């Protein structure tokens, strides 16, 4: 039985979080608006404000809610996390304040599952405490996110692994204490068994950040980019730096990416809700051609379509969370891919409509809509392009179907009609009964 309900005790925490994010966290987006600000542990002013806010979150038992009790989290489960993440999605800083910022969440899970005790002591505990940040270094300039085309290599040399190659769009590398790097260790193996995963301290000799690439809302001229183009020059790490076994890099990656995708979707619900609220407020405030925007049928259609799409998406996300909570591991694979596909479309449509209703003001930096709009293409590509996930959904669904047994489709009417006539021949051939029969 589907159940998305929340008990009163947790609802009270959600109510607190909603007020806290609106009153205390959203102002951080204004004070420190650049993409790298939440991850820059060297920004003393930002950290001076962040620390007390985090303590309030901890006091409420809402710190790192994606983690189980064994890792210092409350173990609330994905349905509760979906409700909380809707609130956190309103603010860029909120995941950092609540200890759920990507890519650190996924990297923490990898270390918890595959790291040595020394690695956990050195990296996992400070990562969970929010004292350091990390990088997931997977995609490559010639391959994007397609692991079958990866060229970055790693080979064993005595009691060390040697990593050599390039990585593209490694988020937050300029601030990271360590990087989790995927590299090809067996080029002759099947595609999904060629790679292995390594934890690499950021101070290891041979790591060169060629440049920090700026996205649409980041200025290269001011060095605001946080997505690194990295060259690994025969970087040496010990044998126990491998996370998981040889050739298990793809498996390790999937262990973190699924959760990250659905958490992005949860937060997108919150961002779209905030944009929708702005849309409705604008419709009730702005007059043109003698009437409010709210009285224009085109605007009413904007509002109705946005709310319908947003609620459909929200229910898909909650259903996915419920499956993760109640079904065996991997059961939600198709639903997670569906969330990824729907997320890009809903985010695009709702923010575009909200921006359009605000006219020229919506395109400026005086509202958050323009910055949100510039994030739309990036979110459609993050954790795998939307097209890849469409293919995943189709392939999974088609596994439930078989070819038609004969020349015609199984819904072909003539043989079905013939069968039903034979089934009821004793009735339809009785001249004593009236009623029209399809001849």
Protein backbone atom coordinates (compact mmCIF):
# COMPACT_ATOMS: atom_id res chain seq x y z
CA UNK A 1 0.00 0.00 0.00
CA UNK A 2 1.43 3.37 -1.01
CA UNK A 3 1.90 5.63 1.99
CA UNK A 4 3.54 9.04 1.83
CA UNK A 5 2.12 10.24 5.15
CA UNK A 6 4.24 11.96 7.78
CA UNK A 7 3.65 11.59 11.50
CA UNK A 8 3.01 14.81 13.49
CA UNK A 9 6.43 14.74 15.18
CA UNK A 10 8.31 14.82 11.88
CA UNK A 11 5.86 17.31 10.39
CA UNK A 12 6.83 19.65 13.22
CA UNK A 13 10.48 19.29 12.16
CA UNK A 14 9.52 20.03 8.56
CA UNK A 15 7.64 23.13 9.67
CA UNK A 16 10.74 24.26 11.58
CA UNK A 17 12.96 23.56 8.56
CA UNK A 18 10.67 25.53 6.23
CA UNK A 19 10.82 28.61 8.44
CA UNK A 20 14.55 28.17 9.09
CA UNK A 21 15.44 27.90 5.40
CA UNK A 22 13.29 30.87 4.48
CA UNK A 23 14.50 33.15 7.29
CA UNK A 24 18.08 32.03 7.94
CA UNK A 25 19.43 30.08 4.97
CA UNK A 26 18.07 31.89 1.91
CA UNK A 27 19.89 35.07 3.03
CA UNK A 28 23.17 33.17 2.60
CA UNK A 29 22.33 32.85 -1.11
CA UNK A 30 22.41 36.65 -1.26
CA UNK A 31 25.55 37.19 0.83
CA UNK A 32 27.60 34.46 -0.86
CA UNK A 33 25.99 33.89 -4.27
CA UNK A 34 28.78 32.23 -6.27
CA UNK A 35 28.69 28.54 -7.12
CA UNK A 36 31.79 27.67 -5.12
CA UNK A 37 30.91 29.61 -1.97
CA UNK A 38 29.23 26.75 -0.05
CA UNK A 39 32.25 24.50 -0.72
CA UNK A 40 35.02 26.98 0.05
CA UNK A 41 36.11 25.90 3.52
CA UNK A 42 38.69 28.71 3.52
CA UNK A 43 36.06 31.47 3.42
CA UNK A 44 36.16 32.49 7.07
CA UNK A 45 33.24 34.93 6.89
CA UNK A 46 30.92 32.39 5.30
CA UNK A 47 32.03 29.68 7.75
CA UNK A 48 31.44 32.00 10.71
CA UNK A 49 27.80 32.29 9.68
CA UNK A 50 27.50 28.65 8.59
CA UNK A 51 28.72 27.08 11.84
CA UNK A 52 25.93 28.31 14.14
CA UNK A 53 23.29 27.49 11.52
CA UNK A 54 24.57 23.92 11.33
CA UNK A 55 24.40 23.64 15.11
CA UNK A 56 20.71 24.56 15.00
CA UNK A 57 20.14 21.86 12.37
CA UNK A 58 21.95 19.29 14.52
CA UNK A 59 19.88 20.30 17.53
CA UNK A 60 16.75 19.50 15.56
CA UNK A 61 18.08 16.07 14.57
CA UNK A 62 18.05 17.05 10.88
CA UNK A 63 21.77 16.86 10.10
CA UNK A 64 22.77 14.50 7.26
CA UNK A 65 19.31 12.96 7.03
CA UNK A 66 20.35 10.82 4.04
CA UNK A 67 22.55 8.70 6.33
CA UNK A 68 21.67 5.84 8.62
CA UNK A 69 22.39 5.93 12.36
CA UNK A 70 25.61 3.93 11.84
CA UNK A 71 27.03 6.94 9.97
CA UNK A 72 25.71 9.62 12.27
CA UNK A 73 22.41 10.33 10.50
CA UNK A 74 18.87 9.79 11.76
CA UNK A 75 18.00 7.09 9.19
CA UNK A 76 14.67 8.66 8.29
CA UNK A 77 14.32 6.94 4.93
CA UNK A 78 13.71 8.37 1.46
CA UNK A 79 10.06 9.41 1.83
CA UNK A 80 10.88 11.63 4.78
CA UNK A 81 13.99 12.82 3.00
CA UNK A 82 11.85 13.74 -0.02
CA UNK A 83 9.67 15.99 2.13
CA UNK A 84 12.75 17.61 3.69
CA UNK A 85 14.59 18.01 0.38
CA UNK A 86 11.60 19.84 -1.09
CA UNK A 87 12.30 22.50 1.51
CA UNK A 88 16.07 22.47 0.97
CA UNK A 89 15.58 22.87 -2.78
CA UNK A 90 14.50 26.46 -2.21
CA UNK A 91 18.09 27.52 -1.39
CA UNK A 92 21.48 26.84 -2.96
CA UNK A 93 23.14 26.92 0.47
CA UNK A 94 20.58 24.72 2.24
CA UNK A 95 22.16 21.32 1.43
CA UNK A 96 25.46 22.58 2.88
CA UNK A 97 23.72 23.86 5.99
CA UNK A 98 21.89 20.52 6.45
CA UNK A 99 24.83 18.26 5.57
CA UNK A 100 23.35 16.88 2.36
CA UNK A 101 25.43 18.65 -0.31
CA UNK A 102 26.51 16.79 -3.43
CA UNK A 103 28.94 15.33 -4.36
CA UNK A 104 29.95 14.86 -0.74
CA UNK A 105 26.87 12.81 0.11
CA UNK A 106 27.59 10.20 -2.53
CA UNK A 107 31.32 10.19 -1.81
CA UNK A 108 30.61 9.59 1.87
CA UNK A 109 28.46 6.60 0.98
CA UNK A 110 31.25 5.18 -1.18
CA UNK A 111 33.79 5.56 1.62
CA UNK A 112 31.39 4.02 4.10
CA UNK A 113 30.79 1.00 1.85
CA UNK A 114 34.26 0.47 0.36
CA UNK A 115 36.84 2.50 2.29
CA UNK A 116 39.47 1.19 4.66
CA UNK A 117 39.32 2.14 8.33
CA UNK A 118 42.23 4.53 7.81
CA UNK A 119 40.39 6.22 4.92
CA UNK A 120 37.24 6.50 7.00
CA UNK A 121 39.15 8.05 9.89
CA UNK A 122 40.98 10.47 7.61
CA UNK A 123 38.16 11.47 5.28
CA UNK A 124 34.75 10.07 6.14
CA UNK A 125 34.36 11.53 9.62
CA UNK A 126 35.37 15.10 8.66
CA UNK A 127 33.28 14.80 5.48
CA UNK A 128 30.21 13.80 7.49
CA UNK A 129 30.90 16.62 9.93
CA UNK A 130 31.04 19.12 7.07
CA UNK A 131 34.64 20.10 7.84
CA UNK A 132 35.96 19.19 4.37
CA UNK A 133 34.61 18.78 0.85
CA UNK A 134 35.42 16.24 -1.86
CA UNK A 135 35.33 15.61 -5.61
CA UNK A 136 33.96 12.82 -7.79
CA UNK A 137 36.31 12.72 -10.78
CA UNK A 138 34.70 10.52 -13.43
CA UNK A 139 33.78 12.25 -16.71
CA UNK A 140 36.41 12.88 -19.40
CA UNK A 141 36.79 15.54 -22.10
CA UNK A 142 36.56 13.10 -25.02
CA UNK A 143 33.91 10.85 -23.47
CA UNK A 144 31.59 12.86 -21.27
CA UNK A 145 29.84 10.41 -18.95
CA UNK A 146 30.17 7.35 -21.22
CA UNK A 147 32.43 4.92 -19.32
CA UNK A 148 32.92 2.81 -22.44
CA UNK A 149 34.98 5.68 -23.91
CA UNK A 150 37.12 6.48 -20.86
CA UNK A 151 40.86 6.69 -21.48
CA UNK A 152 42.28 7.67 -18.07
CA UNK A 153 44.36 4.64 -17.06
CA UNK A 154 45.63 3.12 -13.83
CA UNK A 155 48.14 0.31 -13.54
CA UNK A 156 49.88 -1.46 -10.73
CA UNK A 157 53.56 -0.74 -10.14
CA UNK A 158 54.87 -2.70 -7.16
CA UNK A 159 52.90 -1.68 -4.07
CA UNK A 160 51.31 1.33 -5.76
CA UNK A 161 48.70 2.23 -8.37
CA UNK A 162 49.69 4.77 -11.00
CA UNK A 163 46.92 6.97 -12.47
CA UNK A 164 47.47 8.81 -15.73
CA UNK A 165 45.00 10.71 -17.89
CA UNK A 166 42.54 13.59 -17.95
CA UNK A 167 39.21 14.23 -16.26
CA UNK A 168 36.62 16.85 -17.11
CA UNK A 169 34.08 18.71 -14.96
CA UNK A 170 35.33 17.40 -11.62
CA UNK A 171 33.17 19.55 -9.35
CA UNK A 172 34.75 21.41 -6.41
CA UNK A 173 38.24 20.01 -7.00
CA UNK A 174 39.74 23.40 -6.14
CA UNK A 175 38.33 23.08 -2.61
CA UNK A 176 38.54 19.31 -2.13
CA UNK A 177 40.59 17.42 0.42
CA UNK A 178 40.38 14.27 -1.68
CA UNK A 179 39.16 13.06 -5.06
CA UNK A 180 37.45 9.82 -5.97
CA UNK A 181 38.82 8.92 -9.41
CA UNK A 182 37.55 6.35 -11.89
CA UNK A 183 40.24 4.91 -14.17
CA UNK A 184 40.59 2.03 -16.64
CA UNK A 185 42.55 -0.83 -15.07
CA UNK A 186 41.72 -3.59 -17.57
CA UNK A 187 41.18 -2.22 -21.09
CA UNK A 188 40.52 -5.70 -22.50
CA UNK A 189 37.66 -6.50 -20.11
CA UNK A 190 33.97 -6.02 -21.00
CA UNK A 191 33.00 -2.32 -20.94
CA UNK A 192 31.48 -2.27 -17.45
CA UNK A 193 34.36 -4.29 -15.95
CA UNK A 194 37.24 -2.20 -17.32
CA UNK A 195 37.34 0.43 -14.60
CA UNK A 196 38.25 0.74 -10.95
CA UNK A 197 37.73 3.48 -8.39
CA UNK A 198 40.43 5.16 -6.27
CA UNK A 199 40.53 7.63 -3.40
CA UNK A 200 43.28 10.18 -4.06
CA UNK A 201 44.38 12.85 -1.54
CA UNK A 202 44.32 16.25 -3.20
CA UNK A 203 47.92 17.00 -2.20
CA UNK A 204 49.24 13.94 -4.07
CA UNK A 205 52.03 14.93 -6.50
CA UNK A 206 51.04 14.90 -10.15
CA UNK A 207 47.51 16.35 -9.87
CA UNK A 208 47.22 19.37 -12.15
CA UNK A 209 44.07 21.47 -12.38
CA UNK A 210 44.43 22.76 -15.93
CA UNK A 211 41.60 25.20 -15.37
CA UNK A 212 38.40 25.66 -13.40
CA UNK A 213 35.68 25.86 -16.02
CA UNK A 214 32.88 28.36 -15.55
CA UNK A 215 29.31 27.48 -16.46
CA UNK A 216 26.65 29.91 -17.72
CA UNK A 217 26.32 31.79 -14.44
CA UNK A 218 30.06 31.79 -13.63
CA UNK A 219 32.60 34.22 -15.07
CA UNK A 220 35.93 32.84 -16.24
CA UNK A 221 37.38 36.35 -16.09
CA UNK A 222 36.84 36.35 -12.31
CA UNK A 223 37.88 32.72 -11.86
CA UNK A 224 34.46 31.73 -10.52
CA UNK A 225 34.40 28.28 -12.12
CA UNK A 226 34.23 25.25 -9.82
CA UNK A 227 34.25 22.40 -12.36
CA UNK A 228 37.86 21.37 -12.86
CA UNK A 229 39.62 20.15 -15.99
CA UNK A 230 42.27 17.89 -14.41
CA UNK A 231 45.38 16.18 -15.70
CA UNK A 232 46.66 13.26 -13.61
CA UNK A 233 50.40 12.96 -14.34
CA UNK A 234 51.26 9.41 -13.24
CA UNK A 235 49.74 10.03 -9.83
CA UNK A 236 50.82 7.34 -7.36
CA UNK A 237 48.58 5.99 -4.59
CA UNK A 238 48.93 2.90 -2.36
CA UNK A 239 47.24 -0.38 -3.24
CA UNK A 240 44.53 0.10 -0.62
CA UNK A 241 43.46 3.34 -2.36
CA UNK A 242 41.22 1.22 -4.58
CA UNK A 243 37.56 1.39 -3.54
CA UNK A 244 35.92 -1.94 -4.19
CA UNK A 245 37.67 -4.61 -6.22
CA UNK A 246 39.49 -4.39 -9.54
CA UNK A 247 37.02 -3.77 -12.35
CA UNK A 248 34.22 -2.73 -9.96
CA UNK A 249 34.44 1.00 -10.67
CA UNK A 250 31.14 1.08 -12.57
CA UNK A 251 29.42 -0.82 -9.76
CA UNK A 252 30.80 1.59 -7.17
CA UNK A 253 29.72 4.58 -9.27
CA UNK A 254 26.17 3.29 -9.60
CA UNK A 255 26.00 2.82 -5.83
CA UNK A 256 26.25 6.61 -5.45
CA UNK A 257 24.65 7.99 -8.61
CA UNK A 258 21.17 6.53 -8.09
CA UNK A 259 20.70 8.27 -4.77
CA UNK A 260 22.14 11.48 -6.12
CA UNK A 261 19.67 11.55 -9.01
CA UNK A 262 16.59 11.14 -6.88
CA UNK A 263 17.86 13.69 -4.36
CA UNK A 264 18.32 16.20 -7.20
CA UNK A 265 14.71 15.50 -8.14
CA UNK A 266 13.51 16.04 -4.58
CA UNK A 267 15.22 19.41 -4.37
CA UNK A 268 13.92 20.37 -7.81
CA UNK A 269 10.38 20.07 -6.46
CA UNK A 270 11.27 22.76 -3.94
CA UNK A 271 12.91 25.07 -6.46
CA UNK A 272 9.95 24.76 -8.84
CA UNK A 273 7.51 25.40 -5.99
CA UNK A 274 9.35 28.62 -5.14
CA UNK A 275 9.27 29.68 -8.81
CA UNK A 276 5.56 28.82 -8.94
CA UNK A 277 4.88 30.97 -5.87
CA UNK A 278 6.69 33.84 -7.58
CA UNK A 279 4.60 33.31 -10.71
CA UNK A 280 1.32 33.48 -8.82
CA UNK A 281 2.36 36.51 -6.80
CA UNK A 282 3.31 38.29 -10.01
CA UNK A 283 0.00 37.39 -11.62
CA UNK A 284 -1.86 38.91 -8.67
CA UNK A 285 0.32 42.05 -8.56
CA UNK A 286 0.93 43.19 -12.13
CA UNK A 287 -1.64 44.98 -14.29
CA UNK A 288 -1.56 45.35 -18.06
CA UNK A 289 -4.16 46.44 -20.58
CA UNK A 290 -6.51 47.39 -17.77
CA UNK A 291 -6.61 44.09 -15.84
CA UNK A 292 -4.42 41.91 -13.64
CA UNK A 293 -2.21 39.30 -15.28
CA UNK A 294 -4.18 36.77 -13.24
CA UNK A 295 -7.25 37.58 -15.33
CA UNK A 296 -5.53 36.77 -18.64
CA UNK A 297 -6.36 33.31 -19.94
CA UNK A 298 -2.81 32.71 -21.16
CA UNK A 299 -1.50 33.42 -17.66
CA UNK A 300 -4.14 31.18 -16.12
CA UNK A 301 -2.98 28.41 -18.45
CA UNK A 302 0.64 29.02 -17.38
CA UNK A 303 -0.38 28.62 -13.76
CA UNK A 304 -2.61 25.58 -14.27
CA UNK A 305 -0.08 23.75 -16.46
CA UNK A 306 2.75 24.49 -14.05
CA UNK A 307 0.86 23.22 -11.01
CA UNK A 308 -0.37 20.08 -12.76
CA UNK A 309 3.12 19.23 -14.02
CA UNK A 310 4.70 19.97 -10.66
CA UNK A 311 2.23 17.81 -8.73
CA UNK A 312 2.64 14.94 -11.18
CA UNK A 313 6.40 15.18 -10.79
CA UNK A 314 6.17 15.39 -7.00
CA UNK A 315 4.07 12.22 -6.84
CA UNK A 316 6.58 10.43 -9.10
CA UNK A 317 9.40 11.45 -6.76
CA UNK A 318 7.49 10.35 -3.65
CA UNK A 319 6.58 7.05 -5.29
CA UNK A 320 10.24 6.49 -6.15
CA UNK A 321 11.23 7.27 -2.57
CA UNK A 322 8.62 4.82 -1.27
CA UNK A 323 9.95 2.05 -3.53
CA UNK A 324 13.51 2.68 -2.31
CA UNK A 325 12.29 2.48 1.29
CA UNK A 326 10.17 -0.65 0.93
CA UNK A 327 11.57 -2.73 -1.94
CA UNK A 328 14.86 -4.60 -2.47
CA UNK A 329 17.93 -2.67 -3.57
CA UNK A 330 17.73 -1.76 -7.25
CA UNK A 331 13.94 -2.06 -7.50
CA UNK A 332 13.61 1.68 -8.12
CA UNK A 333 16.05 1.84 -11.03
CA UNK A 334 13.38 2.62 -13.61
CA UNK A 335 11.63 5.12 -11.35
CA UNK A 336 14.90 6.94 -10.62
CA UNK A 337 15.52 7.27 -14.36
CA UNK A 338 11.95 8.53 -14.81
CA UNK A 339 12.57 11.18 -12.16
CA UNK A 340 15.73 12.29 -13.96
CA UNK A 341 13.88 12.68 -17.26
CA UNK A 342 10.84 14.44 -15.79
CA UNK A 343 13.00 16.71 -13.63
CA UNK A 344 14.67 18.43 -16.58
CA UNK A 345 11.37 19.04 -18.33
CA UNK A 346 9.45 20.35 -15.32
CA UNK A 347 12.30 22.58 -14.18
CA UNK A 348 12.59 24.06 -17.68
CA UNK A 349 8.89 24.70 -18.12
CA UNK A 350 8.05 26.12 -14.69
CA UNK A 351 11.03 28.46 -14.46
CA UNK A 352 10.58 29.63 -18.06
CA UNK A 353 6.95 30.55 -17.38
CA UNK A 354 7.80 32.30 -14.11
CA UNK A 355 10.60 34.26 -15.76
CA UNK A 356 8.37 35.20 -18.69
CA UNK A 357 5.64 36.57 -16.41
CA UNK A 358 8.18 38.82 -14.70
CA UNK A 359 9.14 40.38 -18.03
CA UNK A 360 12.46 42.21 -18.20
CA UNK A 361 12.82 42.05 -14.41
CA UNK A 362 12.91 38.26 -14.62
CA UNK A 363 15.99 38.36 -16.84
CA UNK A 364 18.01 40.46 -14.40
CA UNK A 365 20.07 39.64 -11.34
CA UNK A 366 17.47 41.39 -9.17
CA UNK A 367 15.45 38.17 -9.02
CA UNK A 368 16.75 34.60 -8.65
CA UNK A 369 14.93 33.40 -11.76
CA UNK A 370 17.67 34.23 -14.26
CA UNK A 371 20.27 32.29 -12.29
CA UNK A 372 17.88 29.35 -11.90
CA UNK A 373 17.20 29.45 -15.64
CA UNK A 374 20.91 29.16 -16.38
CA UNK A 375 21.08 26.05 -14.19
CA UNK A 376 18.43 24.22 -16.24
CA UNK A 377 20.75 22.83 -18.98
CA UNK A 378 23.31 21.74 -16.39
CA UNK A 379 20.76 19.76 -14.39
CA UNK A 380 19.56 18.07 -17.57
CA UNK A 381 23.11 16.76 -18.03
CA UNK A 382 24.21 16.12 -14.43
CA UNK A 383 24.43 12.44 -13.43
CA UNK A 384 23.92 11.40 -17.06
CA UNK A 385 22.15 13.11 -19.98
CA UNK A 386 18.36 12.98 -20.05
CA UNK A 387 18.45 10.98 -23.29
CA UNK A 388 20.38 8.17 -21.61
CA UNK A 389 17.75 7.88 -18.90
CA UNK A 390 14.94 7.86 -21.45
CA UNK A 391 16.65 4.87 -23.03
CA UNK A 392 16.98 3.20 -19.63
CA UNK A 393 13.27 3.66 -18.93
CA UNK A 394 12.29 2.25 -22.32
CA UNK A 395 14.58 -0.76 -22.02
CA UNK A 396 13.31 -1.61 -18.55
CA UNK A 397 9.67 -1.29 -19.59
CA UNK A 398 10.15 -3.37 -22.74
CA UNK A 399 11.43 -6.27 -20.64
CA UNK A 400 7.80 -6.79 -19.57
CA UNK A 401 6.60 -7.38 -23.13
CA UNK A 402 6.89 -10.13 -25.73
CA UNK A 403 6.37 -10.16 -29.52
CA UNK A 404 2.91 -10.92 -30.83
CA UNK A 405 2.54 -14.66 -31.43
CA UNK A 406 1.01 -14.40 -34.89
CA UNK A 407 1.09 -12.22 -37.94
CA UNK A 408 -1.20 -9.58 -36.42
CA UNK A 409 -1.10 -7.73 -33.05
CA UNK A 410 -2.65 -9.41 -30.01
CA UNK A 411 -5.38 -6.74 -30.01
CA UNK A 412 -6.36 -7.61 -33.61
CA UNK A 413 -10.16 -7.58 -33.57
CA UNK A 414 -11.18 -10.32 -36.10
CA UNK A 415 -9.78 -13.34 -34.16
CA UNK A 416 -10.95 -11.91 -30.84
CA UNK A 417 -14.44 -11.36 -32.25
CA UNK A 418 -14.48 -14.87 -33.66
CA UNK A 419 -13.49 -16.29 -30.28
CA UNK A 420 -16.13 -14.37 -28.38
CA UNK A 421 -18.81 -15.40 -30.90
CA UNK A 422 -17.91 -19.05 -30.32
CA UNK A 423 -17.93 -18.51 -26.55
CA UNK A 424 -21.47 -17.13 -26.59
CA UNK A 425 -22.82 -18.98 -29.64
CA UNK A 426 -25.54 -20.62 -27.53
CA UNK A 427 -26.92 -17.15 -26.79
CA UNK A 428 -26.31 -15.06 -29.89
CA UNK A 429 -27.60 -17.83 -32.22
CA UNK A 430 -30.82 -18.25 -30.24
CA UNK A 431 -33.56 -16.74 -32.39
CA UNK A 432 -35.75 -16.38 -29.34
CA UNK A 433 -33.55 -13.68 -27.80
CA UNK A 434 -33.55 -10.09 -29.04
CA UNK A 435 -30.57 -7.73 -29.23
CA UNK A 436 -28.13 -6.52 -31.87
CA UNK A 437 -24.96 -8.56 -32.39
CA UNK A 438 -21.87 -7.37 -34.29
CA UNK A 439 -22.16 -9.25 -37.58
